[in-house]
Amino acid sequence: MPNVGIRFERLPAAIIAFTLNYAAYFAEIFRGGINSVPKGQYEAAKVLKFTNLQTIRFIILPQVIKIVLPSVFNEIMSLVKDTSLVYALGISDLILASRTAANRDASLTPMFVAGAIYLILIGIVTLVSKHVENKYNYDRS
């Protein structure tokens, strides 16, 4: 964008890039979820004289959320992992800090610690997703 006179610092540019990229993924996930709700659900709501807002709120959204949650959690895990790619842009993050410490101390321990932190973050997201999936009881549907 420097060609049109717009310049960003590296961190805001990375945040904008991640936001736009993952917004597109999430939009597609939710679009697929909404399209997967059978048309009969909309027709039933119309017969029951639900307004469009009531139809979306009480009938469609609960089904969509149950459908899209696994994909949403998968994208969240991808986002956590993709943040390490920011290192390629030269932005200070966990990997850069660990590499600096490794170079300073001539030890690979900081890199292993950084890997362990990413593993813990992904583990936490996985546990939360399993808890939510159990709440929605995916096995019985």
C-alpha atoms as a PDB file:
ATOM      1  CA  MET A   1       0.000   0.000   0.000  1.00  0.00           C
ATOM      2  CA  PRO A   2       2.979   2.351   0.010  1.00  0.00           C
ATOM      3  CA  ASN A   3       2.242   2.976  -3.688  1.00  0.00           C
ATOM      4  CA  VAL A   4      -0.918   4.865  -2.708  1.00  0.00           C
ATOM      5  CA  GLY A   5       0.703   6.675   0.207  1.00  0.00           C
ATOM      6  CA  ILE A   6      -0.534   4.444   3.039  1.00  0.00           C
ATOM      7  CA  ARG A   7       2.151   3.033   5.306  1.00  0.00           C
ATOM      8  CA  PHE A   8       1.681   0.855   8.359  1.00  0.00           C
ATOM      9  CA  GLU A   9       4.076  -0.182  11.038  1.00  0.00           C
ATOM     10  CA  ARG A  10       4.747  -3.909  11.075  1.00  0.00           C
ATOM     11  CA  LEU A  11       2.572  -4.799  14.059  1.00  0.00           C
ATOM     12  CA  PRO A  12      -0.581  -2.957  12.890  1.00  0.00           C
ATOM     13  CA  ALA A  13      -0.058  -4.405   9.403  1.00  0.00           C
ATOM     14  CA  ALA A  14       0.126  -7.919  10.839  1.00  0.00           C
ATOM     15  CA  ILE A  15      -2.972  -7.340  12.978  1.00  0.00           C
ATOM     16  CA  ILE A  16      -4.907  -6.015   9.982  1.00  0.00           C
ATOM     17  CA  ALA A  17      -3.761  -8.958   7.848  1.00  0.00           C
ATOM     18  CA  PHE A  18      -4.765 -11.536  10.464  1.00  0.00           C
ATOM     19  CA  THR A  19      -8.088  -9.783  11.060  1.00  0.00           C
ATOM     20  CA  LEU A  20      -9.015  -9.663   7.385  1.00  0.00           C
ATOM     21  CA  ASN A  21      -7.818 -13.203   6.730  1.00  0.00           C
ATOM     22  CA  TYR A  22      -9.623 -14.797   9.651  1.00  0.00           C
ATOM     23  CA  ALA A  23     -12.735 -12.652   9.175  1.00  0.00           C
ATOM     24  CA  ALA A  24     -13.047 -14.215   5.727  1.00  0.00           C
ATOM     25  CA  TYR A  25     -12.627 -17.717   7.150  1.00  0.00           C
ATOM     26  CA  PHE A  26     -15.169 -17.113   9.911  1.00  0.00           C
ATOM     27  CA  ALA A  27     -17.634 -15.553   7.467  1.00  0.00           C
ATOM     28  CA  GLU A  28     -17.397 -18.648   5.284  1.00  0.00           C
ATOM     29  CA  ILE A  29     -17.809 -20.945   8.280  1.00  0.00           C
ATOM     30  CA  PHE A  30     -20.949 -19.135   9.426  1.00  0.00           C
ATOM     31  CA  ARG A  31     -22.301 -18.909   5.868  1.00  0.00           C
ATOM     32  CA  GLY A  32     -21.963 -22.668   5.575  1.00  0.00           C
ATOM     33  CA  GLY A  33     -23.635 -23.119   8.954  1.00  0.00           C
ATOM     34  CA  ILE A  34     -26.589 -20.943   8.000  1.00  0.00           C
ATOM     35  CA  ASN A  35     -26.956 -22.706   4.645  1.00  0.00           C
ATOM     36  CA  SER A  36     -26.947 -26.092   6.373  1.00  0.00           C
ATOM     37  CA  VAL A  37     -30.119 -25.341   8.337  1.00  0.00           C
ATOM     38  CA  PRO A  38     -32.995 -27.023   6.464  1.00  0.00           C
ATOM     39  CA  LYS A  39     -35.460 -24.711   4.709  1.00  0.00           C
ATOM     40  CA  GLY A  40     -38.241 -26.419   6.640  1.00  0.00           C
ATOM     41  CA  GLN A  41     -37.027 -24.646   9.777  1.00  0.00           C
ATOM     42  CA  TYR A  42     -37.720 -21.270   8.178  1.00  0.00           C
ATOM     43  CA  GLU A  43     -41.100 -22.473   6.925  1.00  0.00           C
ATOM     44  CA  ALA A  44     -42.049 -23.780  10.375  1.00  0.00           C
ATOM     45  CA  ALA A  45     -41.155 -20.430  11.926  1.00  0.00           C
ATOM     46  CA  LYS A  46     -43.288 -18.660   9.346  1.00  0.00           C
ATOM     47  CA  VAL A  47     -46.261 -20.936  10.147  1.00  0.00           C
ATOM     48  CA  LEU A  48     -45.783 -20.160  13.845  1.00  0.00           C
ATOM     49  CA  LYS A  49     -45.882 -16.432  12.937  1.00  0.00           C
ATOM     50  CA  PHE A  50     -42.337 -15.740  14.127  1.00  0.00           C
ATOM     51  CA  THR A  51     -40.817 -12.484  12.935  1.00  0.00           C
ATOM     52  CA  ASN A  52     -37.564 -12.668  10.981  1.00  0.00           C
ATOM     53  CA  LEU A  53     -35.632 -11.626  14.089  1.00  0.00           C
ATOM     54  CA  GLN A  54     -37.350 -14.272  16.225  1.00  0.00           C
ATOM     55  CA  THR A  55     -36.692 -16.904  13.575  1.00  0.00           C
ATOM     56  CA  ILE A  56     -33.007 -16.101  13.479  1.00  0.00           C
ATOM     57  CA  ARG A  57     -32.643 -15.739  17.258  1.00  0.00           C
ATOM     58  CA  PHE A  58     -34.645 -18.699  18.511  1.00  0.00           C
ATOM     59  CA  ILE A  59     -34.530 -21.227  15.686  1.00  0.00           C
ATOM     60  CA  ILE A  60     -31.646 -20.649  13.290  1.00  0.00           C
ATOM     61  CA  LEU A  61     -28.785 -19.349  15.476  1.00  0.00           C
ATOM     62  CA  PRO A  62     -28.896 -22.155  18.060  1.00  0.00           C
ATOM     63  CA  GLN A  63     -28.585 -24.701  15.261  1.00  0.00           C
ATOM     64  CA  VAL A  64     -25.897 -22.730  13.444  1.00  0.00           C
ATOM     65  CA  ILE A  65     -23.797 -22.368  16.586  1.00  0.00           C
ATOM     66  CA  LYS A  66     -23.922 -26.101  17.212  1.00  0.00           C
ATOM     67  CA  ILE A  67     -22.921 -26.760  13.612  1.00  0.00           C
ATOM     68  CA  VAL A  68     -20.049 -24.257  13.362  1.00  0.00           C
ATOM     69  CA  LEU A  69     -18.385 -24.548  16.776  1.00  0.00           C
ATOM     70  CA  PRO A  70     -15.921 -27.302  15.825  1.00  0.00           C
ATOM     71  CA  SER A  71     -14.793 -25.314  12.776  1.00  0.00           C
ATOM     72  CA  VAL A  72     -14.569 -22.095  14.785  1.00  0.00           C
ATOM     73  CA  PHE A  73     -12.349 -23.742  17.399  1.00  0.00           C
ATOM     74  CA  ASN A  74     -10.209 -25.208  14.628  1.00  0.00           C
ATOM     75  CA  GLU A  75      -9.686 -21.721  13.182  1.00  0.00           C
ATOM     76  CA  ILE A  76      -8.857 -20.339  16.631  1.00  0.00           C
ATOM     77  CA  MET A  77      -6.167 -23.013  16.986  1.00  0.00           C
ATOM     78  CA  SER A  78      -4.846 -22.115  13.542  1.00  0.00           C
ATOM     79  CA  LEU A  79      -4.744 -18.457  14.541  1.00  0.00           C
ATOM     80  CA  VAL A  80      -2.687 -19.246  17.638  1.00  0.00           C
ATOM     81  CA  LYS A  81      -0.246 -21.229  15.518  1.00  0.00           C
ATOM     82  CA  ASP A  82      -0.181 -18.636  12.737  1.00  0.00           C
ATOM     83  CA  THR A  83       0.858 -15.873  15.098  1.00  0.00           C
ATOM     84  CA  SER A  84       4.309 -17.445  15.118  1.00  0.00           C
ATOM     85  CA  LEU A  85       4.461 -16.585  11.401  1.00  0.00           C
ATOM     86  CA  VAL A  86       4.589 -12.942  12.416  1.00  0.00           C
ATOM     87  CA  TYR A  87       8.216 -13.671  13.240  1.00  0.00           C
ATOM     88  CA  ALA A  88       8.861 -13.821   9.496  1.00  0.00           C
ATOM     89  CA  LEU A  89       7.814 -10.176   9.326  1.00  0.00           C
ATOM     90  CA  GLY A  90      10.327  -9.256  12.003  1.00  0.00           C
ATOM     91  CA  ILE A  91       7.782  -8.506  14.698  1.00  0.00           C
ATOM     92  CA  SER A  92       8.742  -9.240  18.263  1.00  0.00           C
ATOM     93  CA  ASP A  93       6.759 -12.201  19.506  1.00  0.00           C
ATOM     94  CA  LEU A  94       7.313 -15.362  21.487  1.00  0.00           C
ATOM     95  CA  ILE A  95       9.552 -17.050  18.907  1.00  0.00           C
ATOM     96  CA  LEU A  96      11.701 -13.946  18.389  1.00  0.00           C
ATOM     97  CA  ALA A  97      12.128 -13.475  22.125  1.00  0.00           C
ATOM     98  CA  SER A  98      13.096 -17.121  22.562  1.00  0.00           C
ATOM     99  CA  ARG A  99      15.553 -16.963  19.650  1.00  0.00           C
ATOM    100  CA  THR A 100      17.154 -13.856  21.142  1.00  0.00           C
ATOM    101  CA  ALA A 101      17.502 -15.619  24.481  1.00  0.00           C
ATOM    102  CA  ALA A 102      18.885 -18.719  22.762  1.00  0.00           C
ATOM    103  CA  ASN A 103      21.512 -16.661  20.918  1.00  0.00           C
ATOM    104  CA  ARG A 104      22.438 -14.799  24.088  1.00  0.00           C
ATOM    105  CA  ASP A 105      22.716 -17.913  26.263  1.00  0.00           C
ATOM    106  CA  ALA A 106      23.948 -20.326  23.550  1.00  0.00           C
ATOM    107  CA  SER A 107      21.169 -22.696  24.567  1.00  0.00           C
ATOM    108  CA  LEU A 108      18.114 -24.101  22.828  1.00  0.00           C
ATOM    109  CA  THR A 109      16.110 -24.155  26.047  1.00  0.00           C
ATOM    110  CA  PRO A 110      14.255 -20.899  25.247  1.00  0.00           C
ATOM    111  CA  MET A 111      13.101 -22.374  21.917  1.00  0.00           C
ATOM    112  CA  PHE A 112      11.780 -25.451  23.723  1.00  0.00           C
ATOM    113  CA  VAL A 113      10.035 -23.211  26.247  1.00  0.00           C
ATOM    114  CA  ALA A 114       8.433 -21.232  23.406  1.00  0.00           C
ATOM    115  CA  GLY A 115       7.258 -24.489  21.833  1.00  0.00           C
ATOM    116  CA  ALA A 116       5.873 -25.613  25.188  1.00  0.00           C
ATOM    117  CA  ILE A 117       3.972 -22.328  25.556  1.00  0.00           C
ATOM    118  CA  TYR A 118       2.385 -22.802  22.121  1.00  0.00           C
ATOM    119  CA  LEU A 119       1.556 -26.401  23.054  1.00  0.00           C
ATOM    120  CA  ILE A 120      -0.087 -25.229  26.286  1.00  0.00           C
ATOM    121  CA  LEU A 121      -2.096 -22.553  24.445  1.00  0.00           C
ATOM    122  CA  ILE A 122      -3.343 -25.089  21.899  1.00  0.00           C
ATOM    123  CA  GLY A 123      -4.078 -27.525  24.737  1.00  0.00           C
ATOM    124  CA  ILE A 124      -6.203 -24.923  26.508  1.00  0.00           C
ATOM    125  CA  VAL A 125      -8.169 -24.158  23.334  1.00  0.00           C
ATOM    126  CA  THR A 126      -8.637 -27.905  22.768  1.00  0.00           C
ATOM    127  CA  LEU A 127      -9.936 -28.434  26.311  1.00  0.00           C
ATOM    128  CA  VAL A 128     -12.345 -25.512  25.984  1.00  0.00           C
ATOM    129  CA  SER A 129     -13.594 -26.830  22.645  1.00  0.00           C
ATOM    130  CA  LYS A 130     -14.140 -30.314  24.104  1.00  0.00           C
ATOM    131  CA  HIS A 131     -16.045 -28.797  27.025  1.00  0.00           C
ATOM    132  CA  VAL A 132     -18.272 -26.797  24.677  1.00  0.00           C
ATOM    133  CA  GLU A 133     -18.814 -29.803  22.405  1.00  0.00           C
ATOM    134  CA  ASN A 134     -19.823 -31.883  25.433  1.00  0.00           C
ATOM    135  CA  LYS A 135     -22.232 -29.129  26.444  1.00  0.00           C
ATOM    136  CA  TYR A 136     -23.880 -29.303  23.026  1.00  0.00           C
ATOM    137  CA  ASN A 137     -23.700 -33.111  23.170  1.00  0.00           C
ATOM    138  CA  TYR A 138     -22.531 -33.743  19.624  1.00  0.00           C
ATOM    139  CA  ASP A 139     -22.585 -37.520  20.091  1.00  0.00           C
ATOM    140  CA  ARG A 140     -26.370 -37.693  20.358  1.00  0.00           C
ATOM    141  CA  SER A 141     -27.182 -35.524  17.349  1.00  0.00           C
END
